[in-house]
Amino acid sequence: DDDDDDDDDDAQFGDWEVCDWEGVGGKEGERVVRVTVQKKNIGGSLVHWWKKGTEGGTGIDVSAITARKPGAADASSKIWNEATAAFKKRVADRVPIELDCAE
C-alpha cells in the first residue's frame, strides 16, 4: 500500500527500440538504442523546452529552436515577474494576527 500523494502513479516513460544507425562519415552497420520520453504537462498551453536530454549531456541553445514562438519566452518571463512582485507585495502588506494560545 502506497500512502504517498505523488502523482507519479500515472507516469509514462515512452518507448525504446534498437535500430540501425547510418552514422556520419559513411559508417554503416552500427546499432543504437533510441529512447523516446514524454515530458509531464506542466500546465495549460505552457511549453517547456529542455536544454539537454540527460543529466551531464550536451546542452543546446533552446532559443535557436525554430518551432518556438518568437517572444513567447519574454512574455512568459514578464508575466512570471509581475506575478512574483504582486505576491511579494501581498505578503509584505499582511497584517499579523495575534492568537491567544493560553490554555
Protein backbone atom coordinates (compact mmCIF):
# COMPACT_ATOMS: atom_id res chain seq x y z
CA ASP A 1 0.00 0.00 0.00
CA ASP A 2 1.50 3.30 -1.12
CA ASP A 3 0.46 6.12 1.21
CA ASP A 4 2.26 8.99 -0.52
CA ASP A 5 0.36 11.56 -2.52
CA ASP A 6 2.66 11.58 -5.53
CA ASP A 7 1.05 11.84 -8.93
CA ASP A 8 3.79 9.63 -10.39
CA ASP A 9 1.47 6.61 -10.43
CA ASP A 10 0.35 7.62 -13.93
CA ALA A 11 3.85 8.46 -15.17
CA GLN A 12 4.59 7.44 -18.73
CA PHE A 13 8.09 6.60 -19.83
CA GLY A 14 7.59 6.49 -23.55
CA ASP A 15 9.30 3.83 -25.61
CA TRP A 16 12.66 2.43 -26.67
CA GLU A 17 13.96 0.49 -29.63
CA VAL A 18 17.19 -0.88 -31.05
CA CYS A 19 17.76 0.32 -34.58
CA ASP A 20 20.41 0.56 -37.28
CA TRP A 21 22.34 3.80 -37.46
CA GLU A 22 23.77 5.18 -40.64
CA GLY A 23 26.24 7.44 -38.98
CA VAL A 24 28.12 10.48 -40.14
CA GLY A 25 31.10 9.84 -42.40
CA GLY A 26 29.73 6.80 -44.18
CA LYS A 27 29.86 4.40 -41.23
CA GLU A 28 27.25 1.72 -41.63
CA GLY A 29 26.09 -1.24 -39.63
CA GLU A 30 26.17 0.43 -36.23
CA ARG A 31 23.32 -0.24 -33.82
CA VAL A 32 21.90 2.25 -31.34
CA VAL A 33 19.21 2.34 -28.71
CA ARG A 34 16.71 5.11 -29.37
CA VAL A 35 14.77 6.24 -26.29
CA THR A 36 11.57 8.26 -26.59
CA VAL A 37 10.36 10.04 -23.46
CA GLN A 38 7.22 12.02 -22.76
CA LYS A 39 7.50 15.15 -20.65
CA LYS A 40 4.91 15.78 -17.99
CA ASN A 41 2.46 18.53 -18.96
CA ILE A 42 3.24 21.49 -16.70
CA GLY A 43 0.01 23.32 -17.29
CA GLY A 44 -2.26 24.61 -20.00
CA SER A 45 -0.58 25.81 -23.14
CA LEU A 46 2.77 26.31 -21.41
CA VAL A 47 5.67 24.66 -23.25
CA HIS A 48 8.96 23.87 -21.53
CA TRP A 49 11.96 23.30 -23.78
CA TRP A 50 14.75 21.08 -22.46
CA LYS A 51 18.32 22.32 -22.92
CA LYS A 52 19.56 18.73 -22.73
CA GLY A 53 18.01 15.29 -22.67
CA THR A 54 20.13 13.74 -19.94
CA GLU A 55 21.96 14.94 -16.87
CA GLY A 56 25.52 15.65 -17.92
CA GLY A 57 24.54 15.58 -21.60
CA THR A 58 25.47 18.21 -24.14
CA GLY A 59 23.13 21.20 -23.98
CA ILE A 60 21.68 23.21 -26.85
CA ASP A 61 20.57 26.82 -27.24
CA VAL A 62 16.79 26.43 -26.93
CA SER A 63 16.27 29.96 -28.28
CA ALA A 64 17.50 28.64 -31.65
CA ILE A 65 14.67 26.08 -31.95
CA THR A 66 12.59 27.15 -34.96
CA ALA A 67 9.34 25.75 -33.52
CA ARG A 68 9.47 28.20 -30.61
CA LYS A 69 7.10 31.12 -30.87
CA PRO A 70 9.05 34.38 -31.16
CA GLY A 71 8.73 36.44 -27.99
CA ALA A 72 6.93 33.70 -26.03
CA ALA A 73 9.80 33.28 -23.55
CA ASP A 74 9.99 37.03 -22.91
CA ALA A 75 6.22 37.26 -22.46
CA SER A 76 6.19 34.32 -20.04
CA SER A 77 9.10 35.78 -18.10
CA LYS A 78 7.34 39.15 -17.85
CA ILE A 79 4.11 37.52 -16.58
CA TRP A 80 6.09 35.44 -14.06
CA ASN A 81 7.96 38.50 -12.76
CA GLU A 82 4.75 40.53 -12.44
CA ALA A 83 3.01 37.71 -10.56
CA THR A 84 6.00 37.28 -8.24
CA ALA A 85 6.09 41.02 -7.50
CA ALA A 86 2.33 41.05 -6.77
CA PHE A 87 2.69 38.05 -4.44
CA LYS A 88 5.59 39.67 -2.56
CA LYS A 89 3.57 42.88 -2.15
CA ARG A 90 0.57 40.96 -0.75
CA VAL A 91 2.85 39.18 1.73
CA ALA A 92 4.51 42.45 2.77
CA ASP A 93 1.09 44.13 3.25
CA ARG A 94 -0.28 41.39 5.51
CA VAL A 95 -1.29 42.43 9.00
CA PRO A 96 -0.16 39.95 11.65
CA ILE A 97 -2.94 38.30 13.63
CA GLU A 98 -2.26 37.53 17.27
CA LEU A 99 -3.58 34.24 18.57
CA ASP A 100 -4.27 33.59 22.22
CA CYS A 101 -2.71 30.20 22.81
CA ALA A 102 -3.19 30.20 26.58
CA GLU A 103 -4.85 27.12 27.96
